[in-house]
Amino acid sequence: MKCSGFRRWLLRQGVLLAGEMVRQGIRKADLAWALGIHPPQVGRLLDLGHASKIGSVEAALSVLGRRLDVALA
């Protein structure tokens, strides 16, 4: 499977989200509750094979007290 540069970047954000969840001891169910979504939707955010929307990843990181900065250079 070929990935565009943006897709690779978004995959890295999913990995960072998973790492932050582990660091803070946050379960999928906890994050789902905080986001007001169903737990399987959080599972899709963490699934590297699923094309998550950037806004969804940004919202999840925000709940964890992190911010997603995007810049064009």
C-alpha atoms as a PDB file:
ATOM      1  CA  MET A   1       0.000   0.000   0.000  1.00  0.00           C
ATOM      2  CA  LYS A   2       1.476   3.316  -1.087  1.00  0.00           C
ATOM      3  CA  CYS A   3       0.992   6.281   1.199  1.00  0.00           C
ATOM      4  CA  SER A   4       1.107   9.939   0.324  1.00  0.00           C
ATOM      5  CA  GLY A   5       3.191  12.242   2.465  1.00  0.00           C
ATOM      6  CA  PHE A   6       0.063  13.528   4.180  1.00  0.00           C
ATOM      7  CA  ARG A   7      -1.177  10.004   4.861  1.00  0.00           C
ATOM      8  CA  ARG A   8       2.180   9.087   6.438  1.00  0.00           C
ATOM      9  CA  TRP A   9       2.001  12.242   8.567  1.00  0.00           C
ATOM     10  CA  LEU A  10      -1.530  11.372   9.692  1.00  0.00           C
ATOM     11  CA  LEU A  11      -0.404   7.833  10.567  1.00  0.00           C
ATOM     12  CA  ARG A  12       2.323   9.308  12.789  1.00  0.00           C
ATOM     13  CA  GLN A  13      -0.305  11.401  14.568  1.00  0.00           C
ATOM     14  CA  GLY A  14      -2.267   8.224  15.307  1.00  0.00           C
ATOM     15  CA  VAL A  15       0.861   6.655  16.777  1.00  0.00           C
ATOM     16  CA  LEU A  16       1.443   9.769  18.880  1.00  0.00           C
ATOM     17  CA  LEU A  17      -2.183   9.636  20.053  1.00  0.00           C
ATOM     18  CA  ALA A  18      -1.774   6.009  21.123  1.00  0.00           C
ATOM     19  CA  GLY A  19       1.467   6.835  22.927  1.00  0.00           C
ATOM     20  CA  GLU A  20      -0.132   9.739  24.769  1.00  0.00           C
ATOM     21  CA  MET A  21      -3.019   7.513  25.840  1.00  0.00           C
ATOM     22  CA  VAL A  22      -0.557   4.991  27.283  1.00  0.00           C
ATOM     23  CA  ARG A  23       1.481   7.741  28.964  1.00  0.00           C
ATOM     24  CA  GLN A  24      -1.623   9.146  30.672  1.00  0.00           C
ATOM     25  CA  GLY A  25      -3.200   5.762  31.407  1.00  0.00           C
ATOM     26  CA  ILE A  26      -6.287   6.619  29.324  1.00  0.00           C
ATOM     27  CA  ARG A  27      -8.340   3.700  28.007  1.00  0.00           C
ATOM     28  CA  LYS A  28     -10.254   3.730  24.713  1.00  0.00           C
ATOM     29  CA  ALA A  29     -13.506   3.818  26.666  1.00  0.00           C
ATOM     30  CA  ASP A  30     -12.331   6.853  28.660  1.00  0.00           C
ATOM     31  CA  LEU A  31     -11.375   8.750  25.516  1.00  0.00           C
ATOM     32  CA  ALA A  32     -14.629   7.781  23.809  1.00  0.00           C
ATOM     33  CA  TRP A  33     -16.636   9.080  26.765  1.00  0.00           C
ATOM     34  CA  ALA A  34     -14.690  12.370  26.799  1.00  0.00           C
ATOM     35  CA  LEU A  35     -15.228  12.804  23.052  1.00  0.00           C
ATOM     36  CA  GLY A  36     -18.896  11.781  23.194  1.00  0.00           C
ATOM     37  CA  ILE A  37     -18.387   8.946  20.709  1.00  0.00           C
ATOM     38  CA  HIS A  38     -18.617   5.153  20.781  1.00  0.00           C
ATOM     39  CA  PRO A  39     -15.492   3.144  21.738  1.00  0.00           C
ATOM     40  CA  PRO A  40     -15.219   1.474  18.298  1.00  0.00           C
ATOM     41  CA  GLN A  41     -14.729   4.943  16.811  1.00  0.00           C
ATOM     42  CA  VAL A  42     -11.692   5.448  19.047  1.00  0.00           C
ATOM     43  CA  GLY A  43     -10.458   2.062  17.865  1.00  0.00           C
ATOM     44  CA  ARG A  44     -10.638   3.328  14.293  1.00  0.00           C
ATOM     45  CA  LEU A  45      -8.651   6.437  15.258  1.00  0.00           C
ATOM     46  CA  LEU A  46      -5.900   4.135  16.506  1.00  0.00           C
ATOM     47  CA  ASP A  47      -6.130   1.727  13.555  1.00  0.00           C
ATOM     48  CA  LEU A  48      -3.230   2.521  11.215  1.00  0.00           C
ATOM     49  CA  GLY A  49      -5.146   0.954   8.334  1.00  0.00           C
ATOM     50  CA  HIS A  50      -8.096   3.327   8.749  1.00  0.00           C
ATOM     51  CA  ALA A  51      -8.111   6.761   7.107  1.00  0.00           C
ATOM     52  CA  SER A  52      -9.039   8.937  10.077  1.00  0.00           C
ATOM     53  CA  LYS A  53      -9.963  12.557   9.561  1.00  0.00           C
ATOM     54  CA  ILE A  54      -7.483  15.113  10.840  1.00  0.00           C
ATOM     55  CA  GLY A  55     -10.207  16.844  12.861  1.00  0.00           C
ATOM     56  CA  SER A  56     -10.969  13.629  14.734  1.00  0.00           C
ATOM     57  CA  VAL A  57      -7.314  13.110  15.646  1.00  0.00           C
ATOM     58  CA  GLU A  58      -7.055  16.768  16.648  1.00  0.00           C
ATOM     59  CA  ALA A  59     -10.118  16.466  18.924  1.00  0.00           C
ATOM     60  CA  ALA A  60      -8.744  13.337  20.590  1.00  0.00           C
ATOM     61  CA  LEU A  61      -5.378  14.969  21.228  1.00  0.00           C
ATOM     62  CA  SER A  62      -7.128  18.034  22.619  1.00  0.00           C
ATOM     63  CA  VAL A  63      -9.009  15.891  25.157  1.00  0.00           C
ATOM     64  CA  LEU A  64      -5.612  14.599  26.264  1.00  0.00           C
ATOM     65  CA  GLY A  65      -4.343  18.144  26.732  1.00  0.00           C
ATOM     66  CA  ARG A  66      -2.226  18.132  23.585  1.00  0.00           C
ATOM     67  CA  ARG A  67      -2.423  20.335  20.519  1.00  0.00           C
ATOM     68  CA  LEU A  68      -1.972  19.388  16.890  1.00  0.00           C
ATOM     69  CA  ASP A  69      -0.128  22.095  14.930  1.00  0.00           C
ATOM     70  CA  VAL A  70      -0.135  21.972  11.167  1.00  0.00           C
ATOM     71  CA  ALA A  71       2.020  24.298   9.081  1.00  0.00           C
ATOM     72  CA  LEU A  72       2.838  24.543   5.403  1.00  0.00           C
ATOM     73  CA  ALA A  73       6.400  25.396   4.584  1.00  0.00           C
END
